[in-house]
Amino acid sequence: MIRNALTVGAWTLGSRVLGFARDILIAALLGAGPAADAFFVALRLPNLFRRLFGEGAFSAAFIPAYTGLLSHEGEGPARRLAEEITAIMVVFLFVLMALGMIFMPAVLDALAPGFRAEPSKFALAVHLSRITFPYLWLICLCALFAGVLNARGHFAAASAAPILFNVSIIASLFILHGNGTRVPEALAYGVVISGIVQFAMLGRALAKAGTPLRLRMPRLTPAAVIVLRRLGPGLIGAGVTQLNLTVDTIIASLLPNGTVSVLYYADRVNQLPLGVIGAALGTVLLPSLSRHFRRNETLQAQGALNRAFEFALLLTLPGAAALGAIGLPIMRTLFAHGAFSDADAARSAAALAAYAFGLPAFVLVKLFAPGFFARGDTKTPVKIGLAAVALNLALNLILMHPLQQVGIALSTSIAAWFNVAMLAILLRRHGGFAPDRRLVGRVIRIVIASAAMAIMLVALRATPLMHLPGSLALIGLIGLGICGFGAIGLGIGAFRVAEVRSMLRRPAKGGAALDGVKG
């Protein structure tokens, strides 16, 4: 399971690196002004659906059903279910896309109510949103293709697809903007082009895997109805983080110009470990847990969740501590170029520290939610998720004026920790989560090592290291932080080199990967 997560994470890391290149270009060209705010709001809706479907609700509803049919009834019924869901989604999403484009001003009144105060900014946001909205239709179908591939143990193609998102936008900036298209419009067209390219690549991957899907007439068969019933609640249960970020956008639109943008850039940095670790572990954990629960292998399911929990914290806790300690050098080095000022970088760094506080929680939500979904329980995460969204909204309204963008980010982090705590308590009560002695001991040691590393990084910021030119100071801080955490962690037993090597080692030729999932 960890090896498969590393496969997903490696491709996701490549996508995130390209994403940073994309965002550096956008920051240099647009800064954190009205045009940037308009584009990021236009990107929020299709991006919300991409994250909900690609990393959450659709996988939670579809993969257990598809895996069950594949295991018990064979290839034919499983493929038929995938084709039935494809047909339903093609029609439903097309209608949703058409309505969204027609009524986009009303949609933006809900998503960014503060934009109405500036007619030119609101008009640009509507125009860009209409360009990007077809991406919603394409990327949700891509999520279905990716779900089929993941359920069959083919993780690489689905994980590589987001790279095409960033490549398309960067290419559009150079080609379209270079030929006279305005920057915001070039970016919006790049979003749509990326959806077309991803759709084509994943369709080809399905054909190569021997499971091409043909388009049927939409029919609500019993198996399809089960998936659709789970899909609605799963949109909230698996996508609480994204819903909270959408609430952040709504509140940020009511604050001064640039607030949407500085929050976006802070979230992008925070999303690096969240996407690489959380999405990767969540992607491979759900099929694994689904198989264990179908075989009544409770102890194996608990063990898989414990090791995923341990591995996630080993990477996210030091990452969160580092983002909080050196957020300002990170934001200055990455984005303080061209139209993006030092003041914008400082505002983003403050928001990044608040987001980093919730980083481990954002990742753990992606681990605990599959524990419910694998059992077919989508109601419990939904109830907890709704409570978390309500808490986030209440805290936003309380903190938005005294703390500005920091209050918005901090509200999201607190809501994420509430979500994790409730999921863990209820999952343990139902027997899906049973922390073993190793997990408890390791978590305590990881917390100690991460805190020590953060103190070291704060101290290093006051040394001559920070006078090095360009990005060398940041590279030095990151390198010393990694070495410091590694040395302290090894010394107190937060992890062992032999265990990490065992996770990375591929199975012997002809052998199966852990849990029977293909590598």
Protein backbone atom coordinates (compact mmCIF):
# COMPACT_ATOMS: atom_id res chain seq x y z
CA MET A 1 0.00 0.00 0.00
CA ILE A 2 2.81 2.43 0.88
CA ARG A 3 4.63 1.59 -2.36
CA ASN A 4 1.50 2.37 -4.36
CA ALA A 5 1.09 5.61 -2.39
CA LEU A 6 4.66 6.54 -3.30
CA THR A 7 3.88 5.91 -6.98
CA VAL A 8 0.88 8.25 -6.77
CA GLY A 9 2.84 10.72 -4.67
CA ALA A 10 5.78 10.84 -7.09
CA TRP A 11 3.51 11.79 -10.00
CA THR A 12 1.65 14.25 -7.78
CA LEU A 13 4.95 15.80 -6.73
CA GLY A 14 5.82 16.33 -10.39
CA SER A 15 2.45 18.00 -10.89
CA ARG A 16 2.95 20.25 -7.85
CA VAL A 17 6.41 21.33 -9.01
CA LEU A 18 4.96 22.30 -12.39
CA GLY A 19 2.12 23.97 -10.49
CA PHE A 20 4.61 26.16 -8.70
CA ALA A 21 6.17 27.12 -12.05
CA ARG A 22 2.68 28.00 -13.28
CA ASP A 23 1.87 30.06 -10.18
CA ILE A 24 5.21 31.89 -10.29
CA LEU A 25 4.36 32.95 -13.85
CA ILE A 26 0.85 34.03 -12.84
CA ALA A 27 2.15 35.96 -9.82
CA ALA A 28 4.75 37.76 -11.92
CA LEU A 29 2.19 38.73 -14.60
CA LEU A 30 -0.92 39.44 -12.47
CA GLY A 31 0.35 39.94 -8.91
CA ALA A 32 -2.37 39.98 -6.27
CA GLY A 33 -4.77 42.48 -7.81
CA PRO A 34 -8.33 42.48 -9.20
CA ALA A 35 -7.49 40.52 -12.38
CA ALA A 36 -5.79 37.78 -10.34
CA ASP A 37 -8.75 37.65 -7.94
CA ALA A 38 -11.14 37.28 -10.90
CA PHE A 39 -9.16 34.41 -12.43
CA PHE A 40 -8.78 32.51 -9.16
CA VAL A 41 -12.51 32.74 -8.52
CA ALA A 42 -13.14 31.52 -12.09
CA LEU A 43 -10.83 28.60 -11.35
CA ARG A 44 -12.41 27.82 -7.97
CA LEU A 45 -15.64 26.23 -9.26
CA PRO A 46 -14.17 23.72 -11.75
CA ASN A 47 -11.27 23.11 -9.37
CA LEU A 48 -13.73 22.40 -6.56
CA PHE A 49 -15.44 19.74 -8.67
CA ARG A 50 -12.07 18.32 -9.74
CA ARG A 51 -10.99 17.88 -6.14
CA LEU A 52 -14.36 16.60 -4.93
CA PHE A 53 -14.71 14.04 -7.73
CA GLY A 54 -11.07 13.24 -8.37
CA GLU A 55 -9.94 12.93 -4.75
CA GLY A 56 -13.14 12.40 -2.82
CA ALA A 57 -16.80 11.76 -3.40
CA PHE A 58 -16.76 9.88 -6.67
CA SER A 59 -13.98 7.53 -5.60
CA ALA A 60 -15.74 6.94 -2.29
CA ALA A 61 -18.99 5.99 -4.01
CA PHE A 62 -17.72 4.18 -7.08
CA ILE A 63 -14.58 2.24 -6.11
CA PRO A 64 -16.14 0.00 -3.39
CA ALA A 65 -19.03 -0.92 -5.73
CA TYR A 66 -16.76 -1.51 -8.73
CA THR A 67 -14.24 -3.50 -6.65
CA GLY A 68 -17.02 -5.66 -5.22
CA LEU A 69 -18.40 -6.53 -8.65
CA LEU A 70 -14.91 -7.18 -10.03
CA SER A 71 -14.07 -9.51 -7.12
CA HIS A 72 -17.34 -11.46 -6.91
CA GLU A 73 -18.96 -11.30 -10.37
CA GLY A 74 -16.06 -10.70 -12.74
CA GLU A 75 -15.04 -8.34 -15.51
CA GLY A 76 -18.37 -8.07 -17.38
CA PRO A 77 -20.63 -6.74 -14.58
CA ALA A 78 -17.89 -4.37 -13.34
CA ARG A 79 -17.40 -2.88 -16.80
CA ARG A 80 -21.15 -2.60 -17.29
CA LEU A 81 -21.44 -0.58 -14.06
CA ALA A 82 -18.67 1.77 -15.19
CA GLU A 83 -20.37 2.30 -18.55
CA GLU A 84 -23.76 2.93 -16.92
CA ILE A 85 -22.28 5.54 -14.57
CA THR A 86 -20.42 7.13 -17.50
CA ALA A 87 -23.64 7.51 -19.48
CA ILE A 88 -25.48 9.08 -16.54
CA MET A 89 -22.62 11.48 -15.81
CA VAL A 90 -22.28 12.56 -19.44
CA VAL A 91 -25.91 13.73 -19.52
CA PHE A 92 -26.12 15.17 -16.00
CA LEU A 93 -22.83 17.06 -16.18
CA PHE A 94 -23.65 18.49 -19.60
CA VAL A 95 -26.93 19.90 -18.26
CA LEU A 96 -25.13 21.24 -15.17
CA MET A 97 -22.45 22.85 -17.35
CA ALA A 98 -25.01 24.51 -19.63
CA LEU A 99 -27.03 25.90 -16.71
CA GLY A 100 -23.88 27.13 -15.00
CA MET A 101 -22.73 29.05 -18.06
CA ILE A 102 -26.17 30.62 -18.56
CA PHE A 103 -26.63 31.65 -14.94
CA MET A 104 -22.98 32.44 -14.17
CA PRO A 105 -23.68 35.94 -12.75
CA ALA A 106 -25.96 34.40 -10.13
CA VAL A 107 -23.38 31.69 -9.40
CA LEU A 108 -20.72 34.33 -8.78
CA ASP A 109 -23.07 36.33 -6.59
CA ALA A 110 -22.98 33.28 -4.30
CA LEU A 111 -19.28 32.42 -4.71
CA ALA A 112 -17.81 35.95 -4.60
CA PRO A 113 -20.49 38.36 -3.36
CA GLY A 114 -17.94 41.09 -2.66
CA PHE A 115 -17.10 41.42 -6.38
CA ARG A 116 -20.42 43.18 -7.12
CA ALA A 117 -18.98 46.32 -5.55
CA GLU A 118 -16.52 46.55 -8.50
CA PRO A 119 -18.46 46.08 -11.79
CA SER A 120 -15.35 45.61 -13.98
CA LYS A 121 -13.94 42.96 -11.65
CA PHE A 122 -17.30 41.15 -11.51
CA ALA A 123 -17.70 41.25 -15.31
CA LEU A 124 -14.20 39.82 -15.81
CA ALA A 125 -14.89 37.03 -13.31
CA VAL A 126 -18.13 36.11 -15.13
CA HIS A 127 -16.36 36.10 -18.52
CA LEU A 128 -13.48 33.92 -17.28
CA SER A 129 -15.82 31.54 -15.44
CA ARG A 130 -17.82 30.91 -18.61
CA ILE A 131 -14.59 30.01 -20.41
CA THR A 132 -13.38 27.62 -17.70
CA PHE A 133 -16.71 25.96 -16.86
CA PRO A 134 -16.59 23.20 -19.54
CA TYR A 135 -13.55 21.87 -17.66
CA LEU A 136 -16.02 20.70 -15.00
CA TRP A 137 -17.68 18.30 -17.46
CA LEU A 138 -14.40 16.92 -18.76
CA ILE A 139 -12.62 16.49 -15.43
CA CYS A 140 -15.51 14.71 -13.73
CA LEU A 141 -15.48 12.12 -16.53
CA CYS A 142 -11.71 11.89 -16.07
CA ALA A 143 -12.37 11.10 -12.40
CA LEU A 144 -14.52 8.14 -13.46
CA PHE A 145 -11.78 6.84 -15.76
CA ALA A 146 -9.24 7.29 -12.97
CA GLY A 147 -11.51 5.44 -10.52
CA VAL A 148 -11.64 2.41 -12.83
CA LEU A 149 -7.86 2.43 -13.22
CA ASN A 150 -7.23 2.83 -9.47
CA ALA A 151 -9.68 0.07 -8.57
CA ARG A 152 -7.74 -2.25 -10.86
CA GLY A 153 -4.41 -1.26 -9.30
CA HIS A 154 -3.21 0.96 -12.17
CA PHE A 155 -2.29 4.18 -10.37
CA ALA A 156 0.33 5.78 -12.61
CA ALA A 157 -1.81 7.12 -15.47
CA ALA A 158 -4.46 8.64 -13.21
CA SER A 159 -1.76 10.22 -11.03
CA ALA A 160 0.10 11.63 -14.04
CA ALA A 161 -2.98 13.29 -15.56
CA PRO A 162 -2.85 16.45 -13.38
CA ILE A 163 0.61 17.20 -14.80
CA LEU A 164 -1.16 17.93 -18.08
CA PHE A 165 -3.26 20.58 -16.30
CA ASN A 166 -0.16 22.59 -15.48
CA VAL A 167 1.57 21.95 -18.81
CA SER A 168 -1.52 23.16 -20.70
CA ILE A 169 -1.82 26.38 -18.69
CA ILE A 170 1.90 27.18 -19.00
CA ALA A 171 1.79 26.48 -22.74
CA SER A 172 -1.32 28.64 -23.14
CA LEU A 173 0.40 31.51 -21.34
CA PHE A 174 3.35 31.38 -23.71
CA ILE A 175 1.39 30.72 -26.92
CA LEU A 176 -1.87 32.64 -26.47
CA HIS A 177 -0.53 35.54 -24.42
CA GLY A 178 2.46 35.70 -26.76
CA ASN A 179 0.02 36.18 -29.65
CA GLY A 180 -1.90 39.02 -28.03
CA THR A 181 -4.47 37.28 -25.77
CA ARG A 182 -4.87 38.93 -22.36
CA VAL A 183 -3.26 37.01 -19.50
CA PRO A 184 -6.51 36.13 -17.64
CA GLU A 185 -8.13 34.81 -20.84
CA ALA A 186 -5.04 32.84 -21.85
CA LEU A 187 -5.11 31.18 -18.42
CA ALA A 188 -8.83 30.38 -18.72
CA TYR A 189 -8.42 28.78 -22.17
CA GLY A 190 -5.50 26.76 -20.79
CA VAL A 191 -7.79 25.27 -18.15
CA VAL A 192 -10.23 23.98 -20.80
CA ILE A 193 -7.46 22.65 -23.03
CA SER A 194 -6.04 20.73 -20.07
CA GLY A 195 -9.39 18.99 -19.57
CA ILE A 196 -9.45 17.83 -23.21
CA VAL A 197 -5.89 16.52 -23.01
CA GLN A 198 -6.47 14.67 -19.71
CA PHE A 199 -9.67 13.10 -21.04
CA ALA A 200 -7.85 11.78 -24.11
CA MET A 201 -4.92 10.43 -22.08
CA LEU A 202 -7.05 8.57 -19.53
CA GLY A 203 -9.29 7.14 -22.25
CA ARG A 204 -6.18 5.75 -23.94
CA ALA A 205 -4.92 4.38 -20.58
CA LEU A 206 -8.21 2.49 -20.12
CA ALA A 207 -7.88 0.97 -23.57
CA LYS A 208 -4.29 -0.10 -22.87
CA ALA A 209 -5.41 -1.65 -19.56
CA GLY A 210 -7.93 -3.77 -21.48
CA THR A 211 -10.99 -2.01 -20.04
CA PRO A 212 -12.23 0.47 -22.68
CA LEU A 213 -15.61 2.01 -21.82
CA ARG A 214 -18.23 2.44 -24.52
CA LEU A 215 -21.06 4.95 -24.25
CA ARG A 216 -24.48 3.45 -23.44
CA MET A 217 -27.91 4.96 -23.19
CA PRO A 218 -28.37 6.29 -19.62
CA ARG A 219 -30.21 3.75 -17.42
CA LEU A 220 -30.80 3.80 -13.67
CA THR A 221 -29.93 0.16 -12.94
CA PRO A 222 -29.89 -1.06 -9.29
CA ALA A 223 -26.07 -1.03 -9.17
CA ALA A 224 -25.93 2.48 -10.62
CA VAL A 225 -28.54 3.72 -8.14
CA ILE A 226 -26.41 2.47 -5.22
CA VAL A 227 -23.41 4.44 -6.49
CA LEU A 228 -25.46 7.59 -7.06
CA ARG A 229 -27.06 7.38 -3.61
CA ARG A 230 -23.60 7.28 -2.04
CA LEU A 231 -22.28 10.00 -4.32
CA GLY A 232 -24.46 12.83 -3.00
CA PRO A 233 -23.55 12.45 0.68
CA GLY A 234 -19.96 11.71 -0.28
CA LEU A 235 -19.63 15.14 -1.90
CA ILE A 236 -19.75 16.62 1.58
CA GLY A 237 -18.12 13.80 3.54
CA ALA A 238 -15.02 13.55 1.34
CA GLY A 239 -14.85 17.17 0.29
CA VAL A 240 -15.09 19.11 3.53
CA THR A 241 -11.65 20.65 3.05
CA GLN A 242 -12.62 21.90 -0.41
CA LEU A 243 -15.99 23.18 0.79
CA ASN A 244 -14.21 25.05 3.58
CA LEU A 245 -11.78 26.57 1.07
CA THR A 246 -14.79 27.67 -0.99
CA VAL A 247 -16.24 29.32 2.11
CA ASP A 248 -12.85 31.02 2.49
CA THR A 249 -13.17 32.41 -1.05
CA ILE A 250 -16.65 33.75 -0.35
CA ILE A 251 -15.49 35.54 2.81
CA ALA A 252 -12.24 36.74 1.18
CA SER A 253 -14.22 38.41 -1.61
CA LEU A 254 -15.66 40.73 1.05
CA LEU A 255 -12.17 41.85 2.18
CA PRO A 256 -9.75 44.27 0.41
CA ASN A 257 -8.45 43.63 -3.12
CA GLY A 258 -5.86 40.88 -3.33
CA THR A 259 -7.15 38.83 -0.38
CA VAL A 260 -8.44 36.05 -2.66
CA SER A 261 -5.06 35.95 -4.39
CA VAL A 262 -2.81 35.89 -1.31
CA LEU A 263 -4.94 33.10 0.16
CA TYR A 264 -4.66 31.21 -3.12
CA TYR A 265 -0.86 31.37 -3.14
CA ALA A 266 -0.65 30.34 0.53
CA ASP A 267 -2.97 27.41 -0.13
CA ARG A 268 -0.87 26.38 -3.16
CA VAL A 269 2.23 25.99 -0.99
CA ASN A 270 0.22 24.17 1.67
CA GLN A 271 -1.23 21.89 -1.02
CA LEU A 272 2.21 20.47 -1.89
CA PRO A 273 2.41 18.05 1.06
CA LEU A 274 -1.38 17.75 1.18
CA GLY A 275 -1.60 16.64 -2.45
CA VAL A 276 1.53 14.50 -2.49
CA ILE A 277 0.82 12.69 0.80
CA GLY A 278 -2.90 12.98 1.55
CA ALA A 279 -4.28 12.36 -1.92
CA ALA A 280 -1.76 9.59 -2.57
CA LEU A 281 -2.49 7.67 0.63
CA GLY A 282 -6.23 8.22 0.32
CA THR A 283 -6.19 6.98 -3.28
CA VAL A 284 -4.56 3.64 -2.48
CA LEU A 285 -6.10 3.18 0.98
CA LEU A 286 -9.74 3.05 -0.19
CA PRO A 287 -9.37 0.02 -2.52
CA SER A 288 -7.26 -1.72 0.14
CA LEU A 289 -9.81 -1.14 2.93
CA SER A 290 -12.68 -2.10 0.62
CA ARG A 291 -11.08 -5.50 -0.06
CA HIS A 292 -10.37 -6.11 3.64
CA PHE A 293 -13.90 -5.25 4.74
CA ARG A 294 -15.47 -7.41 2.01
CA ARG A 295 -13.38 -10.32 3.30
CA ASN A 296 -14.20 -9.49 6.95
CA GLU A 297 -10.49 -8.88 7.63
CA THR A 298 -10.95 -6.31 10.40
CA LEU A 299 -7.45 -6.61 11.88
CA GLN A 300 -5.81 -6.19 8.48
CA ALA A 301 -7.94 -3.10 7.79
CA GLN A 302 -6.98 -1.60 11.16
CA GLY A 303 -3.32 -2.34 10.50
CA ALA A 304 -3.44 -0.71 7.05
CA LEU A 305 -5.01 2.43 8.52
CA ASN A 306 -2.48 2.58 11.38
CA ARG A 307 0.50 2.37 9.05
CA ALA A 308 -1.02 4.95 6.69
CA PHE A 309 -1.64 7.23 9.71
CA GLU A 310 1.96 6.82 10.89
CA PHE A 311 3.42 7.41 7.43
CA ALA A 312 1.24 10.49 6.88
CA LEU A 313 2.29 12.13 10.14
CA LEU A 314 5.95 11.28 9.54
CA LEU A 315 5.79 13.53 6.46
CA THR A 316 3.15 16.13 7.34
CA LEU A 317 4.08 17.13 10.90
CA PRO A 318 7.63 18.23 10.03
CA GLY A 319 6.26 19.78 6.83
CA ALA A 320 3.69 21.81 8.79
CA ALA A 321 6.32 22.88 11.33
CA ALA A 322 8.66 24.02 8.55
CA LEU A 323 5.94 25.96 6.68
CA GLY A 324 5.10 27.81 9.88
CA ALA A 325 8.74 28.55 10.71
CA ILE A 326 10.02 29.68 7.30
CA GLY A 327 6.83 30.71 5.50
CA LEU A 328 8.08 34.22 4.72
CA PRO A 329 11.34 33.12 3.00
CA ILE A 330 9.30 30.56 1.03
CA MET A 331 6.74 33.07 -0.23
CA ARG A 332 9.36 35.71 -1.04
CA THR A 333 11.56 33.29 -2.94
CA LEU A 334 8.73 31.70 -4.92
CA PHE A 335 6.43 34.59 -5.73
CA ALA A 336 7.90 38.05 -4.90
CA HIS A 337 8.73 38.86 -8.51
CA GLY A 338 7.19 41.20 -11.07
CA ALA A 339 3.72 42.36 -10.02
CA PHE A 340 3.78 40.35 -6.75
CA SER A 341 5.26 42.62 -4.03
CA ASP A 342 7.06 41.91 -0.76
CA ALA A 343 3.94 43.09 1.07
CA ASP A 344 1.87 40.51 -0.84
CA ALA A 345 4.43 37.85 0.11
CA ALA A 346 4.20 38.82 3.79
CA ARG A 347 0.39 38.61 3.71
CA SER A 348 0.56 35.19 2.04
CA ALA A 349 3.18 33.95 4.53
CA ALA A 350 0.95 34.85 7.47
CA ALA A 351 -1.93 32.93 5.89
CA LEU A 352 0.41 30.02 5.11
CA ALA A 353 1.36 29.67 8.79
CA ALA A 354 -2.35 29.42 9.68
CA TYR A 355 -2.99 26.86 6.93
CA ALA A 356 0.08 24.87 8.03
CA PHE A 357 -1.42 24.47 11.50
CA GLY A 358 -4.18 22.39 9.90
CA LEU A 359 -2.00 20.53 7.37
CA PRO A 360 -1.84 17.22 9.29
CA ALA A 361 -5.60 17.39 9.80
CA PHE A 362 -6.26 18.00 6.09
CA VAL A 363 -4.28 14.83 5.31
CA LEU A 364 -5.80 12.69 8.09
CA VAL A 365 -9.33 13.50 6.86
CA LYS A 366 -8.35 11.78 3.60
CA LEU A 367 -7.36 8.69 5.61
CA PHE A 368 -10.28 8.44 8.01
CA ALA A 369 -13.07 9.13 5.48
CA PRO A 370 -12.21 5.97 3.43
CA GLY A 371 -12.61 3.96 6.64
CA PHE A 372 -16.33 4.81 6.51
CA PHE A 373 -16.72 4.72 2.73
CA ALA A 374 -15.17 1.26 2.47
CA ARG A 375 -18.02 0.00 4.70
CA GLY A 376 -20.62 1.78 2.57
CA ASP A 377 -21.25 4.38 5.30
CA THR A 378 -21.42 7.84 3.72
CA LYS A 379 -23.86 9.37 6.22
CA THR A 380 -21.46 9.68 9.17
CA PRO A 381 -18.77 11.67 7.33
CA VAL A 382 -21.52 13.87 5.89
CA LYS A 383 -22.91 14.78 9.31
CA ILE A 384 -19.45 15.52 10.67
CA GLY A 385 -18.54 17.40 7.50
CA LEU A 386 -21.58 19.64 7.72
CA ALA A 387 -20.72 20.45 11.32
CA ALA A 388 -17.14 21.28 10.26
CA VAL A 389 -18.33 23.57 7.45
CA ALA A 390 -20.68 25.35 9.88
CA LEU A 391 -17.84 25.76 12.39
CA ASN A 392 -15.55 27.15 9.66
CA LEU A 393 -18.18 29.67 8.56
CA ALA A 394 -18.82 30.82 12.13
CA LEU A 395 -15.12 31.24 12.84
CA ASN A 396 -14.63 33.08 9.53
CA LEU A 397 -17.27 35.61 10.44
CA ILE A 398 -15.71 36.11 13.89
CA LEU A 399 -12.07 36.36 12.74
CA MET A 400 -12.28 37.92 9.25
CA HIS A 401 -12.07 41.54 10.40
CA PRO A 402 -9.60 41.37 13.31
CA LEU A 403 -7.21 38.93 11.57
CA GLN A 404 -8.06 39.49 7.86
CA GLN A 405 -6.67 36.67 5.64
CA VAL A 406 -5.03 34.95 8.65
CA GLY A 407 -8.41 34.59 10.34
CA ILE A 408 -9.84 32.92 7.23
CA ALA A 409 -6.99 30.39 7.00
CA LEU A 410 -7.00 29.73 10.76
CA SER A 411 -10.76 29.04 10.71
CA THR A 412 -10.25 26.37 8.03
CA SER A 413 -7.48 24.69 10.04
CA ILE A 414 -9.49 24.60 13.26
CA ALA A 415 -12.48 23.14 11.40
CA ALA A 416 -10.19 20.47 9.87
CA TRP A 417 -8.96 19.37 13.31
CA PHE A 418 -12.56 19.18 14.54
CA ASN A 419 -13.41 17.02 11.52
CA VAL A 420 -10.48 14.65 12.16
CA ALA A 421 -11.24 14.30 15.86
CA MET A 422 -14.87 13.39 15.27
CA LEU A 423 -14.06 10.95 12.44
CA ALA A 424 -11.41 9.21 14.56
CA ILE A 425 -13.67 8.90 17.61
CA LEU A 426 -16.60 7.44 15.67
CA LEU A 427 -14.44 5.18 13.49
CA ARG A 428 -12.80 3.77 16.61
CA ARG A 429 -16.21 3.25 18.20
CA HIS A 430 -17.26 1.21 15.12
CA GLY A 431 -14.08 -0.89 15.17
CA GLY A 432 -12.51 0.60 12.06
CA PHE A 433 -9.68 2.37 13.89
CA ALA A 434 -7.66 0.87 16.73
CA PRO A 435 -4.37 2.72 17.38
CA ASP A 436 -1.67 0.23 18.36
CA ARG A 437 1.23 0.85 20.74
CA ARG A 438 3.65 1.47 17.89
CA LEU A 439 1.45 4.20 16.40
CA VAL A 440 1.03 6.06 19.71
CA GLY A 441 4.74 5.96 20.48
CA ARG A 442 5.75 7.05 17.01
CA VAL A 443 3.31 9.97 16.95
CA ILE A 444 4.71 11.35 20.22
CA ARG A 445 8.27 11.10 18.91
CA ILE A 446 7.38 12.68 15.55
CA VAL A 447 5.78 15.64 17.36
CA ILE A 448 8.92 16.15 19.48
CA ALA A 449 11.27 15.94 16.47
CA SER A 450 9.09 18.34 14.44
CA ALA A 451 8.96 20.92 17.25
CA ALA A 452 12.74 20.75 17.69
CA MET A 453 13.25 21.24 13.95
CA ALA A 454 10.92 24.28 13.91
CA ILE A 455 12.86 25.90 16.77
CA MET A 456 16.09 25.28 14.87
CA LEU A 457 14.70 26.86 11.68
CA VAL A 458 13.50 29.97 13.51
CA ALA A 459 16.97 30.34 15.05
CA LEU A 460 18.63 29.91 11.63
CA ARG A 461 16.61 32.83 10.22
CA ALA A 462 18.66 35.16 12.44
CA THR A 463 22.02 33.89 11.13
CA PRO A 464 24.17 35.02 8.15
CA LEU A 465 22.62 32.13 6.17
CA MET A 466 19.75 34.45 5.23
CA HIS A 467 22.15 36.83 3.47
CA LEU A 468 22.93 34.29 0.75
CA PRO A 469 21.78 35.41 -2.72
CA GLY A 470 18.62 34.30 -4.53
CA SER A 471 17.09 31.01 -3.50
CA LEU A 472 20.28 29.68 -1.85
CA ALA A 473 19.14 30.82 1.59
CA LEU A 474 15.83 28.95 1.24
CA ILE A 475 17.59 25.84 -0.09
CA GLY A 476 19.97 26.01 2.87
CA LEU A 477 17.10 26.32 5.36
CA ILE A 478 15.23 23.38 3.82
CA GLY A 479 18.34 21.21 3.69
CA LEU A 480 19.31 21.94 7.29
CA GLY A 481 15.70 21.39 8.40
CA ILE A 482 15.57 17.96 6.72
CA CYS A 483 18.93 16.97 8.23
CA GLY A 484 17.88 18.26 11.65
CA PHE A 485 14.58 16.39 11.66
CA GLY A 486 16.28 13.25 10.35
CA ALA A 487 18.97 13.31 13.03
CA ILE A 488 16.56 14.07 15.88
CA GLY A 489 13.94 11.62 14.60
CA LEU A 490 16.45 8.78 14.30
CA GLY A 491 17.89 9.60 17.70
CA ILE A 492 14.57 9.40 19.55
CA GLY A 493 13.05 6.60 17.44
CA ALA A 494 10.45 8.58 15.46
CA PHE A 495 11.26 6.30 12.52
CA ARG A 496 13.73 3.61 11.55
CA VAL A 497 15.77 3.52 8.35
CA ALA A 498 15.15 -0.21 7.87
CA GLU A 499 11.37 0.29 7.95
CA VAL A 500 11.52 3.13 5.42
CA ARG A 501 13.66 0.96 3.13
CA SER A 502 11.15 -1.89 3.52
CA MET A 503 8.33 0.44 2.45
CA LEU A 504 10.29 1.52 -0.62
CA ARG A 505 11.49 -1.95 -1.63
CA ARG A 506 9.52 -3.43 -4.51
CA PRO A 507 8.20 -6.98 -4.19
CA ALA A 508 10.26 -9.82 -5.63
CA LYS A 509 9.73 -10.58 -9.31
CA GLY A 510 6.49 -12.43 -9.73
CA GLY A 511 5.34 -11.49 -6.23
CA ALA A 512 2.33 -9.35 -5.44
CA ALA A 513 2.47 -5.97 -3.82
CA LEU A 514 0.97 -5.52 -0.39
CA ASP A 515 -2.77 -6.23 -0.25
CA GLY A 516 -2.64 -7.66 -3.75
CA VAL A 517 -2.58 -4.25 -5.39
CA LYS A 518 -0.44 -3.94 -8.50
CA GLY A 519 2.67 -1.75 -8.13
